[in-house]
C-alpha atoms as a PDB file:
ATOM      1  CA  MET A   1       0.000   0.000   0.000  1.00  0.00           C
ATOM      2  CA  ILE A   2       1.372   3.402  -1.053  1.00  0.00           C
ATOM      3  CA  ALA A   3       0.531   5.709   1.851  1.00  0.00           C
ATOM      4  CA  LEU A   4       0.056   9.401   1.084  1.00  0.00           C
ATOM      5  CA  ILE A   5       0.042  11.093   4.484  1.00  0.00           C
ATOM      6  CA  ASP A   6      -2.874  13.454   4.990  1.00  0.00           C
ATOM      7  CA  TYR A   7      -2.099  15.810   7.885  1.00  0.00           C
ATOM      8  CA  GLY A   8      -4.743  18.379   6.980  1.00  0.00           C
ATOM      9  CA  MET A   9      -2.800  20.487   4.508  1.00  0.00           C
ATOM     10  CA  GLY A  10      -0.813  20.048   1.333  1.00  0.00           C
ATOM     11  CA  ASN A  11      -1.493  19.416  -2.322  1.00  0.00           C
ATOM     12  CA  LEU A  12      -2.721  15.872  -1.844  1.00  0.00           C
ATOM     13  CA  HIS A  13      -4.850  15.676  -4.983  1.00  0.00           C
ATOM     14  CA  SER A  14      -2.082  16.668  -7.385  1.00  0.00           C
ATOM     15  CA  VAL A  15       0.437  14.343  -5.726  1.00  0.00           C
ATOM     16  CA  ALA A  16      -2.069  11.467  -5.789  1.00  0.00           C
ATOM     17  CA  LYS A  17      -2.762  12.085  -9.492  1.00  0.00           C
ATOM     18  CA  ALA A  18       0.962  12.187 -10.253  1.00  0.00           C
ATOM     19  CA  LEU A  19       1.520   8.895  -8.426  1.00  0.00           C
ATOM     20  CA  GLU A  20      -1.367   7.390 -10.384  1.00  0.00           C
ATOM     21  CA  LYS A  21       0.259   8.491 -13.651  1.00  0.00           C
ATOM     22  CA  ALA A  22       3.490   6.919 -12.404  1.00  0.00           C
ATOM     23  CA  GLY A  23       1.686   3.615 -11.980  1.00  0.00           C
ATOM     24  CA  ALA A  24       0.499   3.484  -8.369  1.00  0.00           C
ATOM     25  CA  LYS A  25      -2.762   4.145  -6.592  1.00  0.00           C
ATOM     26  CA  ALA A  26      -2.028   5.977  -3.363  1.00  0.00           C
ATOM     27  CA  SER A  27      -4.177   5.690  -0.250  1.00  0.00           C
ATOM     28  CA  LEU A  28      -4.703   8.773   1.899  1.00  0.00           C
ATOM     29  CA  VAL A  29      -3.811   7.934   5.495  1.00  0.00           C
ATOM     30  CA  LYS A  30      -4.854  10.042   8.484  1.00  0.00           C
ATOM     31  CA  ASN A  31      -3.913   7.896  11.468  1.00  0.00           C
ATOM     32  CA  PRO A  32      -1.061   5.692  12.729  1.00  0.00           C
ATOM     33  CA  GLU A  33      -2.977   2.440  12.246  1.00  0.00           C
ATOM     34  CA  GLU A  34      -3.388   3.077   8.522  1.00  0.00           C
ATOM     35  CA  LEU A  35       0.211   4.205   8.189  1.00  0.00           C
ATOM     36  CA  ARG A  36       1.491   0.980   9.737  1.00  0.00           C
ATOM     37  CA  GLN A  37       0.007  -0.937   6.760  1.00  0.00           C
ATOM     38  CA  ALA A  38       2.112   0.988   4.234  1.00  0.00           C
ATOM     39  CA  THR A  39       4.695  -0.579   1.967  1.00  0.00           C
ATOM     40  CA  ARG A  40       5.828   2.868   0.710  1.00  0.00           C
ATOM     41  CA  ILE A  41       5.231   6.300   2.208  1.00  0.00           C
ATOM     42  CA  VAL A  42       4.957   9.756   0.629  1.00  0.00           C
ATOM     43  CA  LEU A  43       4.752  12.886   2.783  1.00  0.00           C
ATOM     44  CA  PRO A  44       3.708  15.895   0.663  1.00  0.00           C
ATOM     45  CA  GLY A  45       4.020  19.426   1.897  1.00  0.00           C
ATOM     46  CA  VAL A  46       2.493  22.833   1.464  1.00  0.00           C
ATOM     47  CA  GLY A  47       2.131  25.143   4.458  1.00  0.00           C
ATOM     48  CA  ALA A  48       3.996  26.009   7.631  1.00  0.00           C
ATOM     49  CA  PHE A  49       6.558  23.735   9.274  1.00  0.00           C
ATOM     50  CA  ARG A  50       5.040  24.311  12.742  1.00  0.00           C
ATOM     51  CA  ASP A  51       1.580  23.177  11.618  1.00  0.00           C
ATOM     52  CA  CYS A  52       2.885  20.110   9.813  1.00  0.00           C
ATOM     53  CA  ALA A  53       5.083  18.974  12.718  1.00  0.00           C
ATOM     54  CA  SER A  54       2.262  19.607  15.225  1.00  0.00           C
ATOM     55  CA  ALA A  55      -0.282  17.659  13.164  1.00  0.00           C
ATOM     56  CA  LEU A  56       2.044  14.658  12.883  1.00  0.00           C
ATOM     57  CA  THR A  57       2.751  14.713  16.620  1.00  0.00           C
ATOM     58  CA  GLU A  58      -0.843  15.216  17.754  1.00  0.00           C
ATOM     59  CA  THR A  59      -2.109  12.305  15.667  1.00  0.00           C
ATOM     60  CA  GLY A  60       0.742   9.968  16.616  1.00  0.00           C
ATOM     61  CA  MET A  61       1.756   9.744  12.986  1.00  0.00           C
ATOM     62  CA  ASP A  62       5.289  10.868  13.883  1.00  0.00           C
ATOM     63  CA  GLU A  63       5.975   7.711  15.909  1.00  0.00           C
ATOM     64  CA  ALA A  64       4.347   5.449  13.325  1.00  0.00           C
ATOM     65  CA  LEU A  65       6.482   7.130  10.660  1.00  0.00           C
ATOM     66  CA  ARG A  66       9.669   6.535  12.659  1.00  0.00           C
ATOM     67  CA  GLU A  67       8.683   2.878  13.127  1.00  0.00           C
ATOM     68  CA  LYS A  68       8.112   2.340   9.405  1.00  0.00           C
ATOM     69  CA  ILE A  69      11.352   4.081   8.444  1.00  0.00           C
ATOM     70  CA  ALA A  70      13.279   2.051  11.031  1.00  0.00           C
ATOM     71  CA  ALA A  71      11.745  -1.064   9.429  1.00  0.00           C
ATOM     72  CA  GLY A  72      13.194  -0.079   6.043  1.00  0.00           C
ATOM     73  CA  ILE A  73      10.015   1.104   4.277  1.00  0.00           C
ATOM     74  CA  PRO A  74      10.874   3.484   1.377  1.00  0.00           C
ATOM     75  CA  PHE A  75       9.963   7.082   2.228  1.00  0.00           C
ATOM     76  CA  LEU A  76       9.673  10.167   0.006  1.00  0.00           C
ATOM     77  CA  GLY A  77       9.243  13.654   1.466  1.00  0.00           C
ATOM     78  CA  ILE A  78       8.210  16.492  -0.852  1.00  0.00           C
ATOM     79  CA  CYS A  79       9.018  20.160  -0.111  1.00  0.00           C
ATOM     80  CA  LEU A  80       7.761  20.705   3.466  1.00  0.00           C
ATOM     81  CA  GLY A  81       7.645  16.908   3.715  1.00  0.00           C
ATOM     82  CA  MET A  82      11.426  16.991   3.224  1.00  0.00           C
ATOM     83  CA  GLN A  83      12.005  19.866   5.637  1.00  0.00           C
ATOM     84  CA  VAL A  84      10.166  18.173   8.499  1.00  0.00           C
ATOM     85  CA  LEU A  85      12.816  15.409   8.395  1.00  0.00           C
ATOM     86  CA  MET A  86      15.287  17.865   9.954  1.00  0.00           C
ATOM     87  CA  ASP A  87      15.971  18.397  13.668  1.00  0.00           C
ATOM     88  CA  VAL A  88      14.827  22.023  13.812  1.00  0.00           C
ATOM     89  CA  SER A  89      13.195  24.671  11.624  1.00  0.00           C
ATOM     90  CA  TYR A  90      13.594  28.427  12.098  1.00  0.00           C
ATOM     91  CA  GLU A  91      10.461  29.263  10.124  1.00  0.00           C
ATOM     92  CA  PHE A  92       8.560  31.900  12.159  1.00  0.00           C
ATOM     93  CA  GLY A  93      10.253  30.797  15.364  1.00  0.00           C
ATOM     94  CA  GLU A  94      12.025  27.611  16.357  1.00  0.00           C
ATOM     95  CA  TYR A  95      10.229  24.285  15.972  1.00  0.00           C
ATOM     96  CA  LYS A  96      11.299  20.694  16.396  1.00  0.00           C
ATOM     97  CA  GLY A  97      11.192  18.360  13.405  1.00  0.00           C
ATOM     98  CA  LEU A  98      11.259  14.577  13.172  1.00  0.00           C
ATOM     99  CA  GLY A  99      15.033  14.417  13.600  1.00  0.00           C
ATOM    100  CA  LEU A 100      15.431  11.696  10.990  1.00  0.00           C
ATOM    101  CA  ILE A 101      18.205  13.543   9.162  1.00  0.00           C
ATOM    102  CA  PRO A 102      20.449  15.775  11.307  1.00  0.00           C
ATOM    103  CA  GLY A 103      20.321  19.424  10.318  1.00  0.00           C
ATOM    104  CA  VAL A 104      18.227  22.580  10.332  1.00  0.00           C
ATOM    105  CA  VAL A 105      15.794  24.463   8.100  1.00  0.00           C
ATOM    106  CA  LYS A 106      16.795  28.058   7.363  1.00  0.00           C
ATOM    107  CA  LYS A 107      15.448  31.051   5.464  1.00  0.00           C
ATOM    108  CA  PHE A 108      17.145  32.478   2.399  1.00  0.00           C
ATOM    109  CA  PRO A 109      19.232  35.567   3.275  1.00  0.00           C
ATOM    110  CA  ASP A 110      17.219  38.677   4.178  1.00  0.00           C
ATOM    111  CA  ASN A 111      19.068  40.718   1.551  1.00  0.00           C
ATOM    112  CA  HIS A 112      18.130  38.339  -1.267  1.00  0.00           C
ATOM    113  CA  PRO A 113      15.137  40.419  -2.507  1.00  0.00           C
ATOM    114  CA  ALA A 114      17.194  43.630  -2.493  1.00  0.00           C
ATOM    115  CA  ARG A 115      19.746  41.824  -4.646  1.00  0.00           C
ATOM    116  CA  GLY A 116      17.066  40.909  -7.187  1.00  0.00           C
ATOM    117  CA  PHE A 117      16.074  37.443  -5.974  1.00  0.00           C
ATOM    118  CA  LYS A 118      12.459  37.366  -4.865  1.00  0.00           C
ATOM    119  CA  ILE A 119      11.339  35.176  -1.994  1.00  0.00           C
ATOM    120  CA  PRO A 120       9.838  32.632  -2.321  1.00  0.00           C
ATOM    121  CA  HIS A 121      12.153  30.985  -4.806  1.00  0.00           C
ATOM    122  CA  MET A 122       9.580  29.945  -7.372  1.00  0.00           C
ATOM    123  CA  GLY A 123       9.877  28.365 -10.801  1.00  0.00           C
ATOM    124  CA  TRP A 124      12.094  26.036 -12.798  1.00  0.00           C
ATOM    125  CA  ASN A 125      15.667  25.470 -11.720  1.00  0.00           C
ATOM    126  CA  ASP A 126      18.421  22.868 -11.849  1.00  0.00           C
ATOM    127  CA  ALA A 127      18.773  19.863  -9.569  1.00  0.00           C
ATOM    128  CA  ILE A 128      22.483  19.119  -9.809  1.00  0.00           C
ATOM    129  CA  LEU A 129      23.261  15.588  -8.662  1.00  0.00           C
ATOM    130  CA  ALA A 130      26.023  15.293  -6.078  1.00  0.00           C
ATOM    131  CA  SER A 131      29.428  14.388  -7.476  1.00  0.00           C
ATOM    132  CA  GLY A 132      31.783  11.969  -5.821  1.00  0.00           C
ATOM    133  CA  ILE A 133      29.024   9.632  -4.706  1.00  0.00           C
ATOM    134  CA  GLU A 134      26.930   7.125  -6.608  1.00  0.00           C
ATOM    135  CA  THR A 135      23.828   8.719  -8.104  1.00  0.00           C
ATOM    136  CA  HIS A 136      20.763   7.897  -6.060  1.00  0.00           C
ATOM    137  CA  PRO A 137      18.448   5.610  -8.089  1.00  0.00           C
ATOM    138  CA  VAL A 138      15.400   7.805  -7.396  1.00  0.00           C
ATOM    139  CA  LEU A 139      17.240  10.912  -8.611  1.00  0.00           C
ATOM    140  CA  ALA A 140      18.909   9.383 -11.662  1.00  0.00           C
ATOM    141  CA  PRO A 141      16.112  10.560 -14.033  1.00  0.00           C
ATOM    142  CA  LEU A 142      16.934  14.186 -13.120  1.00  0.00           C
ATOM    143  CA  ALA A 143      20.323  14.242 -14.852  1.00  0.00           C
ATOM    144  CA  ALA A 144      20.447  17.397 -17.010  1.00  0.00           C
ATOM    145  CA  GLN A 145      16.815  18.183 -16.143  1.00  0.00           C
ATOM    146  CA  GLN A 146      15.113  21.111 -14.428  1.00  0.00           C
ATOM    147  CA  VAL A 147      12.414  20.826 -11.769  1.00  0.00           C
ATOM    148  CA  TYR A 148       9.838  23.160 -10.219  1.00  0.00           C
ATOM    149  CA  PHE A 149      10.451  24.862  -6.859  1.00  0.00           C
ATOM    150  CA  VAL A 150       8.238  26.930  -4.543  1.00  0.00           C
ATOM    151  CA  HIS A 151       9.856  27.666  -1.164  1.00  0.00           C
ATOM    152  CA  SER A 152      11.244  30.349   1.133  1.00  0.00           C
ATOM    153  CA  TYR A 153      13.205  28.033   3.431  1.00  0.00           C
ATOM    154  CA  TYR A 154      15.763  25.332   2.711  1.00  0.00           C
ATOM    155  CA  CYS A 155      17.378  22.333   4.424  1.00  0.00           C
ATOM    156  CA  ALA A 156      20.948  22.452   5.696  1.00  0.00           C
ATOM    157  CA  PRO A 157      21.978  18.872   6.607  1.00  0.00           C
ATOM    158  CA  GLU A 158      24.865  18.464   9.057  1.00  0.00           C
ATOM    159  CA  ASN A 159      26.415  15.618   7.086  1.00  0.00           C
ATOM    160  CA  PRO A 160      27.407  16.614   3.525  1.00  0.00           C
ATOM    161  CA  ALA A 161      26.817  13.014   2.441  1.00  0.00           C
ATOM    162  CA  HIS A 162      23.097  13.506   3.108  1.00  0.00           C
ATOM    163  CA  THR A 163      22.868  16.169   0.373  1.00  0.00           C
ATOM    164  CA  LEU A 164      22.101  14.159  -2.761  1.00  0.00           C
ATOM    165  CA  ALA A 165      21.420  17.051  -5.154  1.00  0.00           C
ATOM    166  CA  ALA A 166      21.913  20.813  -5.008  1.00  0.00           C
ATOM    167  CA  CYS A 167      20.519  23.951  -6.567  1.00  0.00           C
ATOM    168  CA  SER A 168      21.424  27.636  -6.459  1.00  0.00           C
ATOM    169  CA  TYR A 169      19.050  30.563  -6.165  1.00  0.00           C
ATOM    170  CA  GLY A 170      21.074  33.479  -7.419  1.00  0.00           C
ATOM    171  CA  ASP A 171      24.518  32.845  -5.975  1.00  0.00           C
ATOM    172  CA  TYR A 172      23.157  30.996  -2.950  1.00  0.00           C
ATOM    173  CA  PRO A 173      23.399  27.166  -2.969  1.00  0.00           C
ATOM    174  CA  PHE A 174      20.953  24.921  -1.120  1.00  0.00           C
ATOM    175  CA  ALA A 175      19.979  21.251  -0.915  1.00  0.00           C
ATOM    176  CA  ALA A 176      17.564  20.208  -3.659  1.00  0.00           C
ATOM    177  CA  ALA A 177      17.431  16.610  -2.412  1.00  0.00           C
ATOM    178  CA  ILE A 178      18.547  14.889   0.772  1.00  0.00           C
ATOM    179  CA  GLY A 179      18.499  11.343   2.021  1.00  0.00           C
ATOM    180  CA  ARG A 180      19.995   8.357   3.766  1.00  0.00           C
ATOM    181  CA  ASP A 181      19.226   4.648   3.732  1.00  0.00           C
ATOM    182  CA  ASN A 182      15.499   4.270   2.841  1.00  0.00           C
ATOM    183  CA  ILE A 183      14.725   8.014   3.176  1.00  0.00           C
ATOM    184  CA  ILE A 184      14.735  10.531   0.357  1.00  0.00           C
ATOM    185  CA  GLY A 185      13.416  14.084   0.374  1.00  0.00           C
ATOM    186  CA  VAL A 186      13.146  16.613  -2.450  1.00  0.00           C
ATOM    187  CA  GLN A 187      12.726  20.373  -2.065  1.00  0.00           C
ATOM    188  CA  PHE A 188      11.057  20.704  -5.456  1.00  0.00           C
ATOM    189  CA  HIS A 189       7.618  19.438  -6.461  1.00  0.00           C
ATOM    190  CA  PRO A 190       7.703  16.296  -8.640  1.00  0.00           C
ATOM    191  CA  GLU A 191       3.963  16.660  -9.275  1.00  0.00           C
ATOM    192  CA  LYS A 192       4.643  20.058 -10.901  1.00  0.00           C
ATOM    193  CA  SER A 193       7.835  19.044 -12.693  1.00  0.00           C
ATOM    194  CA  GLN A 194       6.233  17.394 -15.735  1.00  0.00           C
ATOM    195  CA  LYS A 195       8.230  14.544 -17.331  1.00  0.00           C
ATOM    196  CA  ALA A 196      11.191  14.833 -14.966  1.00  0.00           C
ATOM    197  CA  GLY A 197       8.937  14.695 -11.917  1.00  0.00           C
ATOM    198  CA  LEU A 198       6.942  11.772 -13.255  1.00  0.00           C
ATOM    199  CA  ALA A 199      10.165   9.874 -13.981  1.00  0.00           C
ATOM    200  CA  LEU A 200      11.320  10.520 -10.401  1.00  0.00           C
ATOM    201  CA  LEU A 201       8.063   9.153  -8.973  1.00  0.00           C
ATOM    202  CA  GLU A 202       8.332   6.086 -11.200  1.00  0.00           C
ATOM    203  CA  ALA A 203      11.885   5.566  -9.922  1.00  0.00           C
ATOM    204  CA  PHE A 204      10.668   5.891  -6.318  1.00  0.00           C
ATOM    205  CA  LEU A 205       8.027   3.220  -6.920  1.00  0.00           C
ATOM    206  CA  ARG A 206      10.744   0.879  -8.248  1.00  0.00           C
ATOM    207  CA  TRP A 207      13.295   1.730  -5.547  1.00  0.00           C
ATOM    208  CA  LYS A 208      14.476  -1.120  -3.316  1.00  0.00           C
ATOM    209  CA  PRO A 209      16.743   0.434  -0.680  1.00  0.00           C
END
Protein backbone atom coordinates (compact mmCIF):
# COMPACT_ATOMS: atom_id res chain seq x y z
CA MET A 1 0.00 0.00 0.00
CA ILE A 2 1.37 3.40 -1.05
CA ALA A 3 0.53 5.71 1.85
CA LEU A 4 0.06 9.40 1.08
CA ILE A 5 0.04 11.09 4.48
CA ASP A 6 -2.87 13.45 4.99
CA TYR A 7 -2.10 15.81 7.88
CA GLY A 8 -4.74 18.38 6.98
CA MET A 9 -2.80 20.49 4.51
CA GLY A 10 -0.81 20.05 1.33
CA ASN A 11 -1.49 19.42 -2.32
CA LEU A 12 -2.72 15.87 -1.84
CA HIS A 13 -4.85 15.68 -4.98
CA SER A 14 -2.08 16.67 -7.38
CA VAL A 15 0.44 14.34 -5.73
CA ALA A 16 -2.07 11.47 -5.79
CA LYS A 17 -2.76 12.09 -9.49
CA ALA A 18 0.96 12.19 -10.25
CA LEU A 19 1.52 8.90 -8.43
CA GLU A 20 -1.37 7.39 -10.38
CA LYS A 21 0.26 8.49 -13.65
CA ALA A 22 3.49 6.92 -12.40
CA GLY A 23 1.69 3.61 -11.98
CA ALA A 24 0.50 3.48 -8.37
CA LYS A 25 -2.76 4.15 -6.59
CA ALA A 26 -2.03 5.98 -3.36
CA SER A 27 -4.18 5.69 -0.25
CA LEU A 28 -4.70 8.77 1.90
CA VAL A 29 -3.81 7.93 5.49
CA LYS A 30 -4.85 10.04 8.48
CA ASN A 31 -3.91 7.90 11.47
CA PRO A 32 -1.06 5.69 12.73
CA GLU A 33 -2.98 2.44 12.25
CA GLU A 34 -3.39 3.08 8.52
CA LEU A 35 0.21 4.21 8.19
CA ARG A 36 1.49 0.98 9.74
CA GLN A 37 0.01 -0.94 6.76
CA ALA A 38 2.11 0.99 4.23
CA THR A 39 4.70 -0.58 1.97
CA ARG A 40 5.83 2.87 0.71
CA ILE A 41 5.23 6.30 2.21
CA VAL A 42 4.96 9.76 0.63
CA LEU A 43 4.75 12.89 2.78
CA PRO A 44 3.71 15.90 0.66
CA GLY A 45 4.02 19.43 1.90
CA VAL A 46 2.49 22.83 1.46
CA GLY A 47 2.13 25.14 4.46
CA ALA A 48 4.00 26.01 7.63
CA PHE A 49 6.56 23.74 9.27
CA ARG A 50 5.04 24.31 12.74
CA ASP A 51 1.58 23.18 11.62
CA CYS A 52 2.89 20.11 9.81
CA ALA A 53 5.08 18.97 12.72
CA SER A 54 2.26 19.61 15.23
CA ALA A 55 -0.28 17.66 13.16
CA LEU A 56 2.04 14.66 12.88
CA THR A 57 2.75 14.71 16.62
CA GLU A 58 -0.84 15.22 17.75
CA THR A 59 -2.11 12.31 15.67
CA GLY A 60 0.74 9.97 16.62
CA MET A 61 1.76 9.74 12.99
CA ASP A 62 5.29 10.87 13.88
CA GLU A 63 5.98 7.71 15.91
CA ALA A 64 4.35 5.45 13.33
CA LEU A 65 6.48 7.13 10.66
CA ARG A 66 9.67 6.54 12.66
CA GLU A 67 8.68 2.88 13.13
CA LYS A 68 8.11 2.34 9.40
CA ILE A 69 11.35 4.08 8.44
CA ALA A 70 13.28 2.05 11.03
CA ALA A 71 11.74 -1.06 9.43
CA GLY A 72 13.19 -0.08 6.04
CA ILE A 73 10.01 1.10 4.28
CA PRO A 74 10.87 3.48 1.38
CA PHE A 75 9.96 7.08 2.23
CA LEU A 76 9.67 10.17 0.01
CA GLY A 77 9.24 13.65 1.47
CA ILE A 78 8.21 16.49 -0.85
CA CYS A 79 9.02 20.16 -0.11
CA LEU A 80 7.76 20.70 3.47
CA GLY A 81 7.64 16.91 3.72
CA MET A 82 11.43 16.99 3.22
CA GLN A 83 12.01 19.87 5.64
CA VAL A 84 10.17 18.17 8.50
CA LEU A 85 12.82 15.41 8.40
CA MET A 86 15.29 17.86 9.95
CA ASP A 87 15.97 18.40 13.67
CA VAL A 88 14.83 22.02 13.81
CA SER A 89 13.19 24.67 11.62
CA TYR A 90 13.59 28.43 12.10
CA GLU A 91 10.46 29.26 10.12
CA PHE A 92 8.56 31.90 12.16
CA GLY A 93 10.25 30.80 15.36
CA GLU A 94 12.03 27.61 16.36
CA TYR A 95 10.23 24.29 15.97
CA LYS A 96 11.30 20.69 16.40
CA GLY A 97 11.19 18.36 13.40
CA LEU A 98 11.26 14.58 13.17
CA GLY A 99 15.03 14.42 13.60
CA LEU A 100 15.43 11.70 10.99
CA ILE A 101 18.20 13.54 9.16
CA PRO A 102 20.45 15.78 11.31
CA GLY A 103 20.32 19.42 10.32
CA VAL A 104 18.23 22.58 10.33
CA VAL A 105 15.79 24.46 8.10
CA LYS A 106 16.79 28.06 7.36
CA LYS A 107 15.45 31.05 5.46
CA PHE A 108 17.15 32.48 2.40
CA PRO A 109 19.23 35.57 3.27
CA ASP A 110 17.22 38.68 4.18
CA ASN A 111 19.07 40.72 1.55
CA HIS A 112 18.13 38.34 -1.27
CA PRO A 113 15.14 40.42 -2.51
CA ALA A 114 17.19 43.63 -2.49
CA ARG A 115 19.75 41.82 -4.65
CA GLY A 116 17.07 40.91 -7.19
CA PHE A 117 16.07 37.44 -5.97
CA LYS A 118 12.46 37.37 -4.86
CA ILE A 119 11.34 35.18 -1.99
CA PRO A 120 9.84 32.63 -2.32
CA HIS A 121 12.15 30.98 -4.81
CA MET A 122 9.58 29.95 -7.37
CA GLY A 123 9.88 28.36 -10.80
CA TRP A 124 12.09 26.04 -12.80
CA ASN A 125 15.67 25.47 -11.72
CA ASP A 126 18.42 22.87 -11.85
CA ALA A 127 18.77 19.86 -9.57
CA ILE A 128 22.48 19.12 -9.81
CA LEU A 129 23.26 15.59 -8.66
CA ALA A 130 26.02 15.29 -6.08
CA SER A 131 29.43 14.39 -7.48
CA GLY A 132 31.78 11.97 -5.82
CA ILE A 133 29.02 9.63 -4.71
CA GLU A 134 26.93 7.13 -6.61
CA THR A 135 23.83 8.72 -8.10
CA HIS A 136 20.76 7.90 -6.06
CA PRO A 137 18.45 5.61 -8.09
CA VAL A 138 15.40 7.81 -7.40
CA LEU A 139 17.24 10.91 -8.61
CA ALA A 140 18.91 9.38 -11.66
CA PRO A 141 16.11 10.56 -14.03
CA LEU A 142 16.93 14.19 -13.12
CA ALA A 143 20.32 14.24 -14.85
CA ALA A 144 20.45 17.40 -17.01
CA GLN A 145 16.81 18.18 -16.14
CA GLN A 146 15.11 21.11 -14.43
CA VAL A 147 12.41 20.83 -11.77
CA TYR A 148 9.84 23.16 -10.22
CA PHE A 149 10.45 24.86 -6.86
CA VAL A 150 8.24 26.93 -4.54
CA HIS A 151 9.86 27.67 -1.16
CA SER A 152 11.24 30.35 1.13
CA TYR A 153 13.21 28.03 3.43
CA TYR A 154 15.76 25.33 2.71
CA CYS A 155 17.38 22.33 4.42
CA ALA A 156 20.95 22.45 5.70
CA PRO A 157 21.98 18.87 6.61
CA GLU A 158 24.87 18.46 9.06
CA ASN A 159 26.42 15.62 7.09
CA PRO A 160 27.41 16.61 3.53
CA ALA A 161 26.82 13.01 2.44
CA HIS A 162 23.10 13.51 3.11
CA THR A 163 22.87 16.17 0.37
CA LEU A 164 22.10 14.16 -2.76
CA ALA A 165 21.42 17.05 -5.15
CA ALA A 166 21.91 20.81 -5.01
CA CYS A 167 20.52 23.95 -6.57
CA SER A 168 21.42 27.64 -6.46
CA TYR A 169 19.05 30.56 -6.16
CA GLY A 170 21.07 33.48 -7.42
CA ASP A 171 24.52 32.85 -5.97
CA TYR A 172 23.16 31.00 -2.95
CA PRO A 173 23.40 27.17 -2.97
CA PHE A 174 20.95 24.92 -1.12
CA ALA A 175 19.98 21.25 -0.91
CA ALA A 176 17.56 20.21 -3.66
CA ALA A 177 17.43 16.61 -2.41
CA ILE A 178 18.55 14.89 0.77
CA GLY A 179 18.50 11.34 2.02
CA ARG A 180 19.99 8.36 3.77
CA ASP A 181 19.23 4.65 3.73
CA ASN A 182 15.50 4.27 2.84
CA ILE A 183 14.73 8.01 3.18
CA ILE A 184 14.74 10.53 0.36
CA GLY A 185 13.42 14.08 0.37
CA VAL A 186 13.15 16.61 -2.45
CA GLN A 187 12.73 20.37 -2.07
CA PHE A 188 11.06 20.70 -5.46
CA HIS A 189 7.62 19.44 -6.46
CA PRO A 190 7.70 16.30 -8.64
CA GLU A 191 3.96 16.66 -9.27
CA LYS A 192 4.64 20.06 -10.90
CA SER A 193 7.84 19.04 -12.69
CA GLN A 194 6.23 17.39 -15.73
CA LYS A 195 8.23 14.54 -17.33
CA ALA A 196 11.19 14.83 -14.97
CA GLY A 197 8.94 14.70 -11.92
CA LEU A 198 6.94 11.77 -13.26
CA ALA A 199 10.17 9.87 -13.98
CA LEU A 200 11.32 10.52 -10.40
CA LEU A 201 8.06 9.15 -8.97
CA GLU A 202 8.33 6.09 -11.20
CA ALA A 203 11.88 5.57 -9.92
CA PHE A 204 10.67 5.89 -6.32
CA LEU A 205 8.03 3.22 -6.92
CA ARG A 206 10.74 0.88 -8.25
CA TRP A 207 13.29 1.73 -5.55
CA LYS A 208 14.48 -1.12 -3.32
CA PRO A 209 16.74 0.43 -0.68
